[in-house]
Amino acid sequence: MLRPTAIEVKPCDNYELIIKFNNNETRLYDVKRLLEYPVFKPLKEKKIFETVHTNGITIEWQNEIDIYPDELYYIRKLVSN
C-alpha cells in the first residue's frame, strides 16, 4: 500500500502543523522537537515557519527545508478521517 501524500498544510501558532492527506485523513505534526537541529533552526522565525506548503510529495519551507513523507504520516497524531 502506498503512503498517502500531503495535499494541504496549515501552520498553527504553537509550531504545529495540521496536514490533510489525499486519503482524507488529517494529522497533527508538532515541529517543536525539530527546532533544535541546525537544518530546522530557521523555522524558529515565525515568518519563515508560516511559509510551509505542499510540494506534491511532502511539505516544505523556503531554503529546501522539508520533512520526510513517512515521518509526516506514520508517526503523527490522527486528528480526523
Protein backbone atom coordinates (compact mmCIF):
# COMPACT_ATOMS: atom_id res chain seq x y z
CA MET A 1 0.00 0.00 0.00
CA LEU A 2 1.31 3.42 -0.92
CA ARG A 3 1.70 6.04 1.75
CA PRO A 4 -0.81 8.90 1.42
CA THR A 5 0.59 12.25 0.30
CA ALA A 6 0.08 15.65 1.88
CA ILE A 7 -2.31 17.83 -0.11
CA GLU A 8 -2.86 20.71 2.34
CA VAL A 9 -0.94 22.12 5.28
CA LYS A 10 -1.85 24.81 7.77
CA PRO A 11 0.68 26.25 10.25
CA CYS A 12 -0.51 26.83 13.82
CA ASP A 13 0.80 29.39 16.31
CA ASN A 14 2.46 26.78 18.53
CA TYR A 15 4.80 25.32 15.87
CA GLU A 16 2.36 22.60 14.98
CA LEU A 17 1.03 21.78 11.53
CA ILE A 18 -2.37 20.50 10.52
CA ILE A 19 -1.84 18.32 7.46
CA LYS A 20 -4.54 16.89 5.20
CA PHE A 21 -3.66 13.83 3.13
CA ASN A 22 -5.11 12.54 -0.13
CA ASN A 23 -6.93 9.75 1.75
CA ASN A 24 -8.99 12.45 3.58
CA GLU A 25 -7.18 11.95 6.89
CA THR A 26 -5.97 14.97 8.82
CA ARG A 27 -2.95 14.67 11.10
CA LEU A 28 -1.25 16.95 13.59
CA TYR A 29 2.52 17.32 13.40
CA ASP A 30 4.49 19.02 16.17
CA VAL A 31 7.60 20.70 14.73
CA LYS A 32 8.95 21.96 18.08
CA ARG A 33 11.15 18.92 18.68
CA LEU A 34 12.92 19.51 15.36
CA LEU A 35 13.81 23.15 16.02
CA GLU A 36 16.97 22.20 17.93
CA TYR A 37 18.53 20.70 14.78
CA PRO A 38 20.58 23.11 12.63
CA VAL A 39 18.64 22.49 9.42
CA PHE A 40 15.34 23.42 11.12
CA LYS A 41 16.57 26.40 13.20
CA PRO A 42 15.41 28.96 10.58
CA LEU A 43 11.83 27.82 11.29
CA LYS A 44 12.02 29.43 14.74
CA GLU A 45 11.32 32.66 12.90
CA LYS A 46 7.53 32.70 12.60
CA LYS A 47 7.52 34.37 9.19
CA ILE A 48 9.59 31.50 7.79
CA PHE A 49 7.59 28.81 9.63
CA GLU A 50 4.38 30.18 8.13
CA THR A 51 5.69 29.74 4.55
CA VAL A 52 5.10 25.97 4.75
CA HIS A 53 3.45 24.45 1.68
CA THR A 54 2.95 21.10 -0.03
CA ASN A 55 5.11 20.07 -2.98
CA GLY A 56 3.20 17.03 -4.26
CA ILE A 57 5.08 14.57 -2.05
CA THR A 58 5.59 16.16 1.36
CA ILE A 59 5.66 19.61 2.96
CA GLU A 60 8.47 22.10 2.69
CA TRP A 61 9.60 25.60 3.51
CA GLN A 62 11.86 28.02 1.69
CA ASN A 63 15.55 27.08 1.51
CA GLU A 64 14.54 23.47 0.75
CA ILE A 65 13.75 22.58 4.35
CA ASP A 66 11.41 19.59 4.33
CA ILE A 67 10.24 16.62 6.38
CA TYR A 68 10.44 13.03 5.20
CA PRO A 69 6.96 11.97 3.98
CA ASP A 70 6.80 8.81 6.12
CA GLU A 71 7.57 10.92 9.21
CA LEU A 72 4.58 13.15 8.46
CA TYR A 73 2.09 10.37 8.03
CA TYR A 74 3.06 7.36 10.13
CA ILE A 75 4.48 8.98 13.23
CA ARG A 76 1.88 11.72 13.83
CA LYS A 77 -1.40 12.06 15.63
CA LEU A 78 -4.58 11.40 13.66
CA VAL A 79 -7.00 14.30 14.03
CA SER A 80 -9.79 13.11 11.73
CA ASN A 81 -10.53 10.72 8.91
